[in-house]
C-alpha atoms as a PDB file:
ATOM      1  CA  MET A   1     117.757 115.446 148.302  1.00  0.00           C
ATOM      2  CA  SER A   2     116.535 117.749 150.788  1.00  0.00           C
ATOM      3  CA  PHE A   3     112.771 118.324 152.402  1.00  0.00           C
ATOM      4  CA  ALA A   4     112.705 121.753 150.345  1.00  0.00           C
ATOM      5  CA  GLU A   5     113.708 119.916 146.934  1.00  0.00           C
ATOM      6  CA  VAL A   6     111.102 117.130 147.787  1.00  0.00           C
ATOM      7  CA  LYS A   7     108.656 119.880 148.093  1.00  0.00           C
ATOM      8  CA  LYS A   8     109.017 121.792 145.366  1.00  0.00           C
ATOM      9  CA  THR A   9     108.905 117.852 143.314  1.00  0.00           C
ATOM     10  CA  ILE A  10     105.991 117.465 144.752  1.00  0.00           C
ATOM     11  CA  ARG A  11     104.310 120.694 143.498  1.00  0.00           C
ATOM     12  CA  THR A  12     105.455 120.118 139.635  1.00  0.00           C
ATOM     13  CA  MET A  13     104.167 116.595 139.755  1.00  0.00           C
ATOM     14  CA  PRO A  14     100.603 116.017 138.196  1.00  0.00           C
ATOM     15  CA  ARG A  15      97.633 115.881 139.867  1.00  0.00           C
ATOM     16  CA  SER A  16      97.139 112.430 139.537  1.00  0.00           C
ATOM     17  CA  LYS A  17     100.384 111.769 140.927  1.00  0.00           C
ATOM     18  CA  ARG A  18     100.062 113.743 144.039  1.00  0.00           C
ATOM     19  CA  ARG A  19      96.933 111.951 144.669  1.00  0.00           C
ATOM     20  CA  GLU A  20      98.986 108.749 144.561  1.00  0.00           C
ATOM     21  CA  LEU A  21     101.451 110.031 146.848  1.00  0.00           C
ATOM     22  CA  LEU A  22      99.244 111.358 148.980  1.00  0.00           C
ATOM     23  CA  SER A  23      97.191 107.731 149.490  1.00  0.00           C
ATOM     24  CA  PHE A  24     100.770 106.207 149.636  1.00  0.00           C
ATOM     25  CA  LEU A  25     101.630 108.176 152.615  1.00  0.00           C
ATOM     26  CA  THR A  26      98.144 107.792 154.181  1.00  0.00           C
ATOM     27  CA  SER A  27      98.223 104.326 154.011  1.00  0.00           C
ATOM     28  CA  LEU A  28     102.094 104.320 155.422  1.00  0.00           C
ATOM     29  CA  GLU A  29     100.769 106.120 158.241  1.00  0.00           C
ATOM     30  CA  GLN A  30      97.929 103.889 159.020  1.00  0.00           C
ATOM     31  CA  SER A  31      99.907 101.010 158.409  1.00  0.00           C
ATOM     32  CA  ASP A  32     100.586 101.813 162.533  1.00  0.00           C
ATOM     33  CA  ASP A  33      97.423 102.839 163.787  1.00  0.00           C
ATOM     34  CA  PRO A  34      96.000  99.896 165.732  1.00  0.00           C
ATOM     35  CA  LYS A  35      92.706 100.850 165.275  1.00  0.00           C
ATOM     36  CA  TRP A  36      93.142 101.097 161.526  1.00  0.00           C
ATOM     37  CA  LEU A  37      94.525  97.622 161.655  1.00  0.00           C
ATOM     38  CA  ALA A  38      91.380  96.043 163.379  1.00  0.00           C
ATOM     39  CA  GLU A  39      88.946  97.415 161.335  1.00  0.00           C
ATOM     40  CA  ILE A  40      90.939  96.285 158.421  1.00  0.00           C
ATOM     41  CA  GLU A  41      91.136  92.916 160.159  1.00  0.00           C
ATOM     42  CA  ARG A  42      86.925  92.977 161.377  1.00  0.00           C
ATOM     43  CA  ARG A  43      86.084  94.071 157.241  1.00  0.00           C
ATOM     44  CA  LYS A  44      88.716  91.024 156.043  1.00  0.00           C
ATOM     45  CA  THR A  45      86.309  88.849 158.422  1.00  0.00           C
ATOM     46  CA  GLU A  46      83.202  90.530 157.206  1.00  0.00           C
ATOM     47  CA  MET A  47      83.947  89.845 153.550  1.00  0.00           C
ATOM     48  CA  LYS A  48      85.145  86.291 154.145  1.00  0.00           C
ATOM     49  CA  ALA A  49      81.950  85.367 155.675  1.00  0.00           C
ATOM     50  CA  GLY A  50      80.500  86.670 151.766  1.00  0.00           C
ATOM     51  CA  GLY A  51      80.051  90.703 153.436  1.00  0.00           C
ATOM     52  CA  LYS A  52      80.510  93.255 150.196  1.00  0.00           C
ATOM     53  CA  ILE A  53      81.027  96.877 150.019  1.00  0.00           C
ATOM     54  CA  SER A  54      79.851  99.009 147.840  1.00  0.00           C
ATOM     55  CA  ARG A  55      81.751 100.782 145.307  1.00  0.00           C
ATOM     56  CA  GLU A  56      81.673 103.911 146.773  1.00  0.00           C
ATOM     57  CA  GLU A  57      83.068 102.607 149.927  1.00  0.00           C
ATOM     58  CA  ALA A  58      85.745 100.655 147.681  1.00  0.00           C
ATOM     59  CA  MET A  59      86.559 104.209 146.410  1.00  0.00           C
ATOM     60  CA  ARG A  60      86.768 106.112 149.439  1.00  0.00           C
ATOM     61  CA  MET A  61      88.890 103.565 151.085  1.00  0.00           C
ATOM     62  CA  LEU A  62      91.086 103.583 147.961  1.00  0.00           C
ATOM     63  CA  GLY A  63      91.191 107.294 148.193  1.00  0.00           C
ATOM     64  CA  ILE A  64      90.340 107.869 144.416  1.00  0.00           C
ATOM     65  CA  THR A  65      87.463 109.816 142.702  1.00  0.00           C
ATOM     66  CA  ASP A  66      85.506 109.125 139.453  1.00  0.00           C
ATOM     67  CA  GLY A  67      87.569 112.167 138.170  1.00  0.00           C
ATOM     68  CA  ASP A  68      90.870 109.455 138.593  1.00  0.00           C
ATOM     69  CA  LEU A  69      89.237 106.898 137.136  1.00  0.00           C
ATOM     70  CA  ALA A  70      88.651 108.473 133.759  1.00  0.00           C
ATOM     71  CA  ALA A  71      92.016 110.620 134.201  1.00  0.00           C
ATOM     72  CA  ALA A  72      93.256 107.411 133.714  1.00  0.00           C
ATOM     73  CA  ARG A  73      91.272 106.354 130.834  1.00  0.00           C
END
């Protein structure tokens, strides 16, 4: 499949699927970023120590919105 075909396919996807793809591509890029990995390790350590995050922060980290949740219902 050519890159042009991939782009054409993406254009025809429902918005929710495009957001899912964007989230996947973003996490794929971040997985090689030492700063991002260090931040994730910091947060994991904080959570193990009893720290929590807000619903809004969790949604931001996952790249989802209230609209995404409503559409999934």
